Amino acid sequence: MRVVDARDIYSRHAAEYDELVRAEDADGHLLPALLELVPLRDNCVVEVGAGTGRVTELLLDAGAQVWATEREPAMLAVARERLRNRTRVDFVLADADQLPLPDGSADVGVAAWVFGHFRFWELDAWREQIGASLDELARVVKPGGTLVVIETLGTGFTEPAPPAPELAEYYAWLESDRGFRRHAVRTDYAFDSVPEAVRILGFFFGEQMAVHVAERASRRVPECTGLWSMRLDAS
């Protein structure tokens, strides 16, 4: 069993990625946690790294108007199909650091499971890359608006913790250098069967994860998620 590179997932395995994320947050904890941080109904949200539209759908369910931006055409195509019957959403092909939107055009900026990849892809310049993307997201959000960054706090574990030293460093930087506050929530996976859980999680996370899931012999796999939020200066 092989583990695929995230960049390869986004460009060549969008359908498989969607299969994974559809199984996550089986108990529906993510949206209530998000609503504790920021109101969404009738607010405009810019979402970067929308992927196949899982978080986009939650934002729409909460009554937001959404600009869903994504850099990979394959991912955006799945999102468009998934949400083809939904209104109040516009899909935009764009990089996180080059959003084709006016200054202060949104009330909320959301980046879900996006910037953590930069910590591994930009080994010598991850702070600059993530910082530029955060600055761009802040540019398109109104003064007094809120930024929310969502990242993993561990797959296969019941207590939240950064799953890699690199991510621990990134999360600490978000809090100490960028002023974000962290909130944690359980977003467990639920698959139709144990073999399906082994197949899907093993494909993305590798042989060790596949063995761990098989040994647990449960179609449910614990997952912890962090939400980092920051309110922009209203002046």
Protein backbone atom coordinates (compact mmCIF):
# COMPACT_ATOMS: atom_id res chain seq x y z
CA MET A 1 0.00 0.00 0.00
CA ARG A 2 1.38 3.41 -0.94
CA VAL A 3 0.74 6.83 0.55
CA VAL A 4 0.19 9.57 -2.02
CA ASP A 5 1.70 13.03 -1.95
CA ALA A 6 -0.87 15.72 -1.16
CA ARG A 7 -0.03 17.63 -4.34
CA ASP A 8 -0.72 14.48 -6.35
CA ILE A 9 -4.01 14.00 -4.51
CA TYR A 10 -5.27 17.44 -5.43
CA SER A 11 -4.34 17.22 -9.09
CA ARG A 12 -5.04 13.54 -9.83
CA HIS A 13 -7.15 12.00 -7.04
CA ALA A 14 -9.91 14.52 -6.40
CA ALA A 15 -12.64 11.86 -6.39
CA GLU A 16 -10.74 9.71 -3.89
CA TYR A 17 -10.08 12.78 -1.75
CA ASP A 18 -13.78 13.54 -1.71
CA GLU A 19 -14.46 9.97 -0.61
CA LEU A 20 -12.17 10.56 2.38
CA VAL A 21 -13.57 13.91 3.49
CA ARG A 22 -17.18 12.81 3.13
CA ALA A 23 -16.50 10.29 5.90
CA GLU A 24 -15.06 12.89 8.27
CA ASP A 25 -16.96 14.71 11.03
CA ALA A 26 -19.59 11.98 11.19
CA ASP A 27 -21.21 13.53 14.26
CA GLY A 28 -21.42 17.03 12.78
CA HIS A 29 -19.26 18.85 15.33
CA LEU A 30 -17.34 21.13 12.97
CA LEU A 31 -20.09 23.56 12.02
CA PRO A 32 -21.27 24.21 15.61
CA ALA A 33 -17.64 24.81 16.60
CA LEU A 34 -17.26 27.27 13.72
CA LEU A 35 -20.47 29.06 14.68
CA GLU A 36 -19.15 29.53 18.21
CA LEU A 37 -16.33 31.60 16.71
CA VAL A 38 -18.13 33.65 14.06
CA PRO A 39 -21.68 34.28 12.81
CA LEU A 40 -22.27 33.01 9.28
CA ARG A 41 -25.92 33.63 8.38
CA ASP A 42 -26.17 36.37 5.75
CA ASN A 43 -22.44 37.02 5.97
CA CYS A 44 -20.07 36.80 3.02
CA VAL A 45 -17.32 34.21 3.43
CA VAL A 46 -14.15 33.85 1.35
CA GLU A 47 -12.93 30.26 1.52
CA VAL A 48 -9.45 29.45 0.29
CA GLY A 49 -8.56 25.89 -0.62
CA ALA A 50 -12.19 24.88 -0.97
CA GLY A 51 -11.18 21.48 -2.32
CA THR A 52 -14.19 19.35 -3.21
CA GLY A 53 -16.59 21.57 -1.30
CA ARG A 54 -17.11 19.83 2.05
CA VAL A 55 -16.59 22.94 4.17
CA THR A 56 -18.24 25.06 1.48
CA GLU A 57 -21.39 23.00 1.98
CA LEU A 58 -21.30 23.60 5.74
CA LEU A 59 -20.94 27.34 5.20
CA LEU A 60 -23.91 27.33 2.85
CA ASP A 61 -25.95 25.27 5.31
CA ALA A 62 -25.28 28.00 7.89
CA GLY A 63 -26.72 30.65 5.56
CA ALA A 64 -23.52 32.25 4.31
CA GLN A 65 -22.77 33.65 0.87
CA VAL A 66 -19.55 31.93 -0.19
CA TRP A 67 -16.69 32.68 -2.54
CA ALA A 68 -15.13 29.20 -2.81
CA THR A 69 -11.58 29.52 -4.16
CA GLU A 70 -9.35 26.59 -5.13
CA ARG A 71 -6.13 26.30 -7.12
CA GLU A 72 -6.69 22.81 -8.57
CA PRO A 73 -9.23 22.52 -11.43
CA ALA A 74 -9.90 18.84 -10.64
CA MET A 75 -10.91 19.63 -7.08
CA LEU A 76 -13.06 22.56 -8.13
CA ALA A 77 -14.85 20.39 -10.70
CA VAL A 78 -15.92 17.96 -7.97
CA ALA A 79 -17.06 20.86 -5.78
CA ARG A 80 -19.14 22.33 -8.61
CA GLU A 81 -20.82 18.99 -9.20
CA ARG A 82 -21.36 18.35 -5.51
CA LEU A 83 -23.02 21.74 -5.03
CA ARG A 84 -24.62 22.11 -8.45
CA ASN A 85 -28.07 22.73 -6.97
CA ARG A 86 -26.95 25.23 -4.35
CA THR A 87 -27.26 29.00 -4.63
CA ARG A 88 -25.26 31.73 -2.85
CA VAL A 89 -21.94 30.23 -3.94
CA ASP A 90 -19.39 31.34 -6.54
CA PHE A 91 -16.44 29.13 -7.50
CA VAL A 92 -13.12 30.79 -8.27
CA LEU A 93 -9.93 29.18 -9.60
CA ALA A 94 -7.20 30.98 -7.66
CA ASP A 95 -4.13 30.56 -5.46
CA ALA A 96 -4.43 31.44 -1.78
CA ASP A 97 -1.94 34.29 -2.10
CA GLN A 98 -3.59 35.82 -5.20
CA LEU A 99 -7.33 36.15 -4.62
CA PRO A 100 -9.14 38.02 -7.42
CA LEU A 101 -11.43 39.84 -5.00
CA PRO A 102 -11.60 43.49 -3.88
CA ASP A 103 -10.29 44.70 -0.54
CA GLY A 104 -12.75 44.23 2.31
CA SER A 105 -15.26 42.32 0.22
CA ALA A 106 -16.06 39.63 2.83
CA ASP A 107 -17.04 39.37 6.48
CA VAL A 108 -15.17 36.12 7.18
CA GLY A 109 -12.13 34.35 5.74
CA VAL A 110 -11.77 30.57 6.10
CA ALA A 111 -8.83 28.32 5.20
CA ALA A 112 -9.50 24.67 6.00
CA TRP A 113 -6.69 22.10 5.80
CA VAL A 114 -4.66 24.31 3.45
CA PHE A 115 -1.68 26.07 4.99
CA GLY A 116 -0.36 23.07 6.90
CA HIS A 117 0.81 21.61 3.60
CA PHE A 118 3.02 24.65 3.03
CA ARG A 119 4.95 23.72 6.18
CA PHE A 120 6.20 20.63 4.30
CA TRP A 121 6.27 21.98 0.75
CA GLU A 122 8.18 25.19 1.59
CA LEU A 123 10.77 23.93 4.05
CA ASP A 124 12.89 27.08 4.01
CA ALA A 125 10.17 29.65 3.42
CA TRP A 126 6.99 28.29 4.98
CA ARG A 127 6.53 31.29 7.26
CA GLU A 128 6.76 33.65 4.31
CA GLN A 129 4.40 31.55 2.18
CA ILE A 130 1.78 31.05 4.88
CA GLY A 131 2.17 34.64 6.01
CA ALA A 132 1.58 35.94 2.49
CA SER A 133 -1.57 33.82 2.17
CA LEU A 134 -2.87 34.97 5.55
CA ASP A 135 -2.19 38.58 4.59
CA GLU A 136 -4.06 38.08 1.32
CA LEU A 137 -7.01 36.54 3.14
CA ALA A 138 -7.00 39.45 5.59
CA ARG A 139 -6.96 41.90 2.68
CA VAL A 140 -10.27 40.66 1.29
CA VAL A 141 -11.97 40.58 4.71
CA LYS A 142 -13.44 43.76 6.17
CA PRO A 143 -11.87 45.44 9.20
CA GLY A 144 -13.47 43.87 12.25
CA GLY A 145 -14.02 40.62 10.36
CA THR A 146 -12.72 37.22 11.39
CA LEU A 147 -10.17 34.80 9.96
CA VAL A 148 -10.48 31.08 10.74
CA VAL A 149 -7.78 28.50 9.97
CA ILE A 150 -8.75 24.84 10.31
CA GLU A 151 -6.11 22.08 10.56
CA THR A 152 -5.69 18.53 11.81
CA LEU A 153 -4.88 17.75 15.42
CA GLY A 154 -4.40 14.05 14.84
CA THR A 155 -5.93 11.10 12.98
CA GLY A 156 -6.51 7.94 14.98
CA PHE A 157 -6.23 9.65 18.38
CA THR A 158 -8.91 10.74 20.83
CA GLU A 159 -6.99 13.67 22.35
CA PRO A 160 -5.95 16.69 20.25
CA ALA A 161 -2.24 17.12 19.54
CA PRO A 162 -0.16 18.14 16.52
CA PRO A 163 0.55 14.93 14.57
CA ALA A 164 4.04 16.04 13.50
CA PRO A 165 6.78 18.30 14.92
CA GLU A 166 6.55 20.47 11.81
CA LEU A 167 2.86 21.08 12.39
CA ALA A 168 3.47 21.79 16.08
CA GLU A 169 5.93 24.48 15.00
CA TYR A 170 3.43 25.93 12.52
CA TYR A 171 0.58 25.95 15.06
CA ALA A 172 2.77 27.63 17.67
CA TRP A 173 3.72 30.28 15.08
CA LEU A 174 0.04 30.90 14.28
CA GLU A 175 -0.60 31.57 17.95
CA SER A 176 2.53 33.43 19.02
CA ASP A 177 3.44 35.38 15.87
CA ARG A 178 0.08 35.83 14.14
CA GLY A 179 -2.24 36.18 17.13
CA PHE A 180 -4.63 33.28 16.50
CA ARG A 181 -6.44 31.47 19.30
CA ARG A 182 -6.93 27.70 19.14
CA HIS A 183 -10.09 25.71 19.73
CA ALA A 184 -10.23 21.91 19.43
CA VAL A 185 -13.08 19.62 18.40
CA ARG A 186 -13.59 15.94 17.59
CA THR A 187 -14.38 15.28 13.92
CA ASP A 188 -14.30 11.47 13.80
CA TYR A 189 -14.47 9.49 10.58
CA ALA A 190 -17.25 6.95 10.05
CA PHE A 191 -16.95 4.53 7.13
CA ASP A 192 -19.39 1.90 5.88
CA SER A 193 -17.09 -0.92 6.96
CA VAL A 194 -13.69 -1.69 8.47
CA PRO A 195 -12.22 -2.73 5.07
CA GLU A 196 -13.35 0.59 3.61
CA ALA A 197 -11.74 2.48 6.48
CA VAL A 198 -8.50 0.54 5.97
CA ARG A 199 -8.52 1.14 2.21
CA ILE A 200 -9.27 4.86 2.25
CA LEU A 201 -7.15 5.89 5.22
CA GLY A 202 -4.32 3.61 4.13
CA PHE A 203 -4.30 5.20 0.67
CA PHE A 204 -3.83 8.67 2.12
CA PHE A 205 -1.84 8.03 5.30
CA GLY A 206 0.12 4.88 4.55
CA GLU A 207 0.65 1.33 5.74
CA GLN A 208 1.08 2.17 9.42
CA MET A 209 -2.31 3.88 9.52
CA ALA A 210 -3.90 0.98 7.63
CA VAL A 211 -2.54 -1.52 10.18
CA HIS A 212 -3.69 0.66 13.08
CA VAL A 213 -7.22 0.91 11.69
CA ALA A 214 -7.38 -2.82 10.93
CA GLU A 215 -6.25 -3.68 14.46
CA ARG A 216 -8.89 -1.42 15.99
CA ALA A 217 -11.47 -3.29 13.88
CA SER A 218 -13.90 -0.39 13.93
CA ARG A 219 -15.46 1.46 11.04
CA ARG A 220 -15.15 4.64 13.12
CA VAL A 221 -11.76 6.31 13.42
CA PRO A 222 -11.15 9.16 15.85
CA GLU A 223 -10.02 12.49 14.46
CA CYS A 224 -9.25 15.76 16.22
CA THR A 225 -9.42 19.13 14.50
CA GLY A 226 -8.18 22.57 15.49
CA LEU A 227 -9.86 25.87 14.64
CA TRP A 228 -7.62 28.91 14.95
CA SER A 229 -9.44 32.24 14.88
CA MET A 230 -8.44 35.89 14.85
CA ARG A 231 -10.53 39.06 14.66
CA LEU A 232 -9.07 41.73 12.43
CA ASP A 233 -8.49 45.23 13.75
CA ALA A 234 -11.63 47.28 13.20
CA SER A 235 -9.75 50.56 12.72
